[in-house]
Amino acid sequence: MDDTVDKLVIFLAKRDGIDKLVKTFQYVSKLGHWHVETTHPDAATRFKQWEVASGLGRKAFRTGRFLTGFNALRRGPGATPTLKVLSVLANAGEMVYFFFDHFLWLSRIGTLDAKLARRMSFISAFR
């Protein structure tokens, strides 16, 4: 198969490198905040803002990632019944996590109602 879902999954997989780079920024800023929070509170505030912005940016780069699990299931989950069941459980969990993670991101940036953030965070935590 070489349909739209396949092409979209390939496109999104290319964004994984950007996500890893932004993750590095997020952790560096977290370490920077920890290192200067008692000596330079103003710099610590900027590091914290950088960390939060990086975390929200990472969620943007992960948009559509639930399609990867869907595509894996669609392609054939496994050769034996046991592998099929395990594949469905693993991919379904990841799909649910990323699906609700998108709603969490949209509510945190103000596109959706902010009250949804707490509920979506709770749901995605139990993937």
C-alpha atoms as a PDB file:
ATOM      1  CA  MET A   1       0.000   0.000   0.000  1.00  0.00           C
ATOM      2  CA  ASP A   2       1.146   3.498  -0.750  1.00  0.00           C
ATOM      3  CA  ASP A   3      -1.835   5.593   0.232  1.00  0.00           C
ATOM      4  CA  THR A   4      -2.282   8.894   2.036  1.00  0.00           C
ATOM      5  CA  VAL A   5      -1.890   7.429   5.534  1.00  0.00           C
ATOM      6  CA  ASP A   6       1.443   5.837   4.557  1.00  0.00           C
ATOM      7  CA  LYS A   7       2.703   9.118   3.113  1.00  0.00           C
ATOM      8  CA  LEU A   8       1.578  11.038   6.186  1.00  0.00           C
ATOM      9  CA  VAL A   9       3.290   8.564   8.536  1.00  0.00           C
ATOM     10  CA  ILE A  10       6.525   8.867   6.538  1.00  0.00           C
ATOM     11  CA  PHE A  11       6.304  12.661   6.652  1.00  0.00           C
ATOM     12  CA  LEU A  12       5.681  12.650  10.409  1.00  0.00           C
ATOM     13  CA  ALA A  13       8.565  10.228  11.010  1.00  0.00           C
ATOM     14  CA  LYS A  14      10.898  12.799   9.492  1.00  0.00           C
ATOM     15  CA  ARG A  15       9.849  15.231  12.239  1.00  0.00           C
ATOM     16  CA  ASP A  16      11.214  12.909  14.958  1.00  0.00           C
ATOM     17  CA  GLY A  17      14.668  14.487  14.674  1.00  0.00           C
ATOM     18  CA  ILE A  18      13.232  17.930  15.337  1.00  0.00           C
ATOM     19  CA  ASP A  19      11.336  16.559  18.346  1.00  0.00           C
ATOM     20  CA  LYS A  20      14.570  15.130  19.750  1.00  0.00           C
ATOM     21  CA  LEU A  21      16.361  18.450  19.258  1.00  0.00           C
ATOM     22  CA  VAL A  22      13.591  20.352  21.038  1.00  0.00           C
ATOM     23  CA  LYS A  23      13.653  17.715  23.805  1.00  0.00           C
ATOM     24  CA  THR A  24      17.343  18.510  24.251  1.00  0.00           C
ATOM     25  CA  PHE A  25      16.487  22.224  24.557  1.00  0.00           C
ATOM     26  CA  GLN A  26      13.817  21.358  27.110  1.00  0.00           C
ATOM     27  CA  TYR A  27      16.215  19.358  29.297  1.00  0.00           C
ATOM     28  CA  VAL A  28      19.056  21.889  28.972  1.00  0.00           C
ATOM     29  CA  SER A  29      16.703  24.655  30.082  1.00  0.00           C
ATOM     30  CA  LYS A  30      15.505  22.497  32.973  1.00  0.00           C
ATOM     31  CA  LEU A  31      19.116  22.000  34.089  1.00  0.00           C
ATOM     32  CA  GLY A  32      19.829  25.701  33.614  1.00  0.00           C
ATOM     33  CA  HIS A  33      16.837  26.587  35.786  1.00  0.00           C
ATOM     34  CA  TRP A  34      17.966  24.180  38.485  1.00  0.00           C
ATOM     35  CA  HIS A  35      21.525  25.515  38.384  1.00  0.00           C
ATOM     36  CA  VAL A  36      20.682  29.233  38.745  1.00  0.00           C
ATOM     37  CA  GLU A  37      17.364  29.272  40.612  1.00  0.00           C
ATOM     38  CA  THR A  38      18.892  30.346  43.940  1.00  0.00           C
ATOM     39  CA  THR A  39      21.633  32.657  42.652  1.00  0.00           C
ATOM     40  CA  HIS A  40      19.960  34.376  39.672  1.00  0.00           C
ATOM     41  CA  PRO A  41      16.152  34.256  39.975  1.00  0.00           C
ATOM     42  CA  ASP A  42      15.617  36.361  36.834  1.00  0.00           C
ATOM     43  CA  ALA A  43      17.688  33.974  34.705  1.00  0.00           C
ATOM     44  CA  ALA A  44      15.920  31.035  36.346  1.00  0.00           C
ATOM     45  CA  THR A  45      12.566  32.480  35.276  1.00  0.00           C
ATOM     46  CA  ARG A  46      13.780  32.741  31.678  1.00  0.00           C
ATOM     47  CA  PHE A  47      15.077  29.165  31.753  1.00  0.00           C
ATOM     48  CA  LYS A  48      11.704  28.006  33.088  1.00  0.00           C
ATOM     49  CA  GLN A  49       9.862  29.854  30.315  1.00  0.00           C
ATOM     50  CA  TRP A  50      12.178  28.247  27.757  1.00  0.00           C
ATOM     51  CA  GLU A  51      11.442  24.818  29.254  1.00  0.00           C
ATOM     52  CA  VAL A  52       7.667  25.338  29.116  1.00  0.00           C
ATOM     53  CA  ALA A  53       7.796  26.686  25.558  1.00  0.00           C
ATOM     54  CA  SER A  54       9.953  23.751  24.460  1.00  0.00           C
ATOM     55  CA  GLY A  55       7.515  21.286  25.998  1.00  0.00           C
ATOM     56  CA  LEU A  56       4.596  22.866  24.153  1.00  0.00           C
ATOM     57  CA  GLY A  57       6.624  22.932  20.952  1.00  0.00           C
ATOM     58  CA  ARG A  58       7.379  19.235  21.252  1.00  0.00           C
ATOM     59  CA  LYS A  59       3.678  18.505  21.435  1.00  0.00           C
ATOM     60  CA  ALA A  60       3.199  20.431  18.202  1.00  0.00           C
ATOM     61  CA  PHE A  61       5.881  18.355  16.470  1.00  0.00           C
ATOM     62  CA  ARG A  62       4.186  15.169  17.667  1.00  0.00           C
ATOM     63  CA  THR A  63       0.885  16.065  15.996  1.00  0.00           C
ATOM     64  CA  GLY A  64      -0.435  13.076  14.086  1.00  0.00           C
ATOM     65  CA  ARG A  65       1.796  10.524  15.802  1.00  0.00           C
ATOM     66  CA  PHE A  66      -1.239   8.402  16.677  1.00  0.00           C
ATOM     67  CA  LEU A  67      -1.389   7.543  12.964  1.00  0.00           C
ATOM     68  CA  THR A  68       1.845   5.548  13.312  1.00  0.00           C
ATOM     69  CA  GLY A  69       0.153   3.014  15.585  1.00  0.00           C
ATOM     70  CA  PHE A  70      -2.914   2.933  13.369  1.00  0.00           C
ATOM     71  CA  ASN A  71      -0.764   2.299  10.312  1.00  0.00           C
ATOM     72  CA  ALA A  72       1.152  -0.490  12.082  1.00  0.00           C
ATOM     73  CA  LEU A  73      -2.122  -2.227  12.930  1.00  0.00           C
ATOM     74  CA  ARG A  74      -3.422  -1.729   9.421  1.00  0.00           C
ATOM     75  CA  ARG A  75      -0.258  -3.207   7.891  1.00  0.00           C
ATOM     76  CA  GLY A  76      -0.550  -6.471   9.786  1.00  0.00           C
ATOM     77  CA  PRO A  77       0.008  -6.669  13.500  1.00  0.00           C
ATOM     78  CA  GLY A  78       1.762 -10.041  13.676  1.00  0.00           C
ATOM     79  CA  ALA A  79       2.062 -13.594  12.443  1.00  0.00           C
ATOM     80  CA  THR A  80       0.599 -15.467  15.421  1.00  0.00           C
ATOM     81  CA  PRO A  81      -2.556 -14.733  17.432  1.00  0.00           C
ATOM     82  CA  THR A  82      -0.449 -13.917  20.509  1.00  0.00           C
ATOM     83  CA  LEU A  83       1.648 -11.397  18.599  1.00  0.00           C
ATOM     84  CA  LYS A  84      -1.491  -9.872  17.104  1.00  0.00           C
ATOM     85  CA  VAL A  85      -3.032  -9.351  20.544  1.00  0.00           C
ATOM     86  CA  LEU A  86       0.189  -7.858  21.939  1.00  0.00           C
ATOM     87  CA  SER A  87       0.554  -5.590  18.917  1.00  0.00           C
ATOM     88  CA  VAL A  88      -3.020  -4.353  19.200  1.00  0.00           C
ATOM     89  CA  LEU A  89      -2.553  -3.612  22.916  1.00  0.00           C
ATOM     90  CA  ALA A  90       0.756  -1.803  22.406  1.00  0.00           C
ATOM     91  CA  ASN A  91      -0.328   0.252  19.414  1.00  0.00           C
ATOM     92  CA  ALA A  92      -3.759   1.036  20.848  1.00  0.00           C
ATOM     93  CA  GLY A  93      -2.180   2.375  24.036  1.00  0.00           C
ATOM     94  CA  GLU A  94       0.174   4.616  22.085  1.00  0.00           C
ATOM     95  CA  MET A  95      -2.638   5.791  19.818  1.00  0.00           C
ATOM     96  CA  VAL A  96      -4.820   6.776  22.785  1.00  0.00           C
ATOM     97  CA  TYR A  97      -1.917   8.561  24.473  1.00  0.00           C
ATOM     98  CA  PHE A  98      -0.993  10.654  21.439  1.00  0.00           C
ATOM     99  CA  PHE A  99      -4.640  11.335  20.538  1.00  0.00           C
ATOM    100  CA  PHE A 100      -5.452  12.814  23.943  1.00  0.00           C
ATOM    101  CA  ASP A 101      -2.025  14.451  24.112  1.00  0.00           C
ATOM    102  CA  HIS A 102      -3.097  16.593  21.130  1.00  0.00           C
ATOM    103  CA  PHE A 103      -6.186  17.788  23.002  1.00  0.00           C
ATOM    104  CA  LEU A 104      -4.034  18.531  26.043  1.00  0.00           C
ATOM    105  CA  TRP A 105      -1.691  20.629  23.903  1.00  0.00           C
ATOM    106  CA  LEU A 106      -4.561  22.501  22.240  1.00  0.00           C
ATOM    107  CA  SER A 107      -6.125  23.325  25.604  1.00  0.00           C
ATOM    108  CA  ARG A 108      -2.809  24.491  27.071  1.00  0.00           C
ATOM    109  CA  ILE A 109      -2.126  26.893  24.206  1.00  0.00           C
ATOM    110  CA  GLY A 110      -5.650  28.307  24.448  1.00  0.00           C
ATOM    111  CA  THR A 111      -7.225  26.863  21.299  1.00  0.00           C
ATOM    112  CA  LEU A 112      -9.600  24.700  23.326  1.00  0.00           C
ATOM    113  CA  ASP A 113     -11.114  25.397  26.737  1.00  0.00           C
ATOM    114  CA  ALA A 114      -8.383  25.430  29.406  1.00  0.00           C
ATOM    115  CA  LYS A 115     -10.556  23.285  31.684  1.00  0.00           C
ATOM    116  CA  LEU A 116      -9.983  20.381  29.287  1.00  0.00           C
ATOM    117  CA  ALA A 117      -6.234  20.361  30.022  1.00  0.00           C
ATOM    118  CA  ARG A 118      -6.639  18.707  33.409  1.00  0.00           C
ATOM    119  CA  ARG A 119      -9.036  16.069  32.093  1.00  0.00           C
ATOM    120  CA  MET A 120      -6.916  15.296  29.006  1.00  0.00           C
ATOM    121  CA  SER A 121      -3.778  15.076  31.137  1.00  0.00           C
ATOM    122  CA  PHE A 122      -5.505  12.530  33.371  1.00  0.00           C
ATOM    123  CA  ILE A 123      -6.697  10.448  30.410  1.00  0.00           C
ATOM    124  CA  SER A 124      -3.349  10.476  28.576  1.00  0.00           C
ATOM    125  CA  ALA A 125      -1.531   9.492  31.773  1.00  0.00           C
ATOM    126  CA  PHE A 126      -3.383   6.157  31.812  1.00  0.00           C
ATOM    127  CA  ARG A 127      -2.539   5.074  28.286  1.00  0.00           C
END
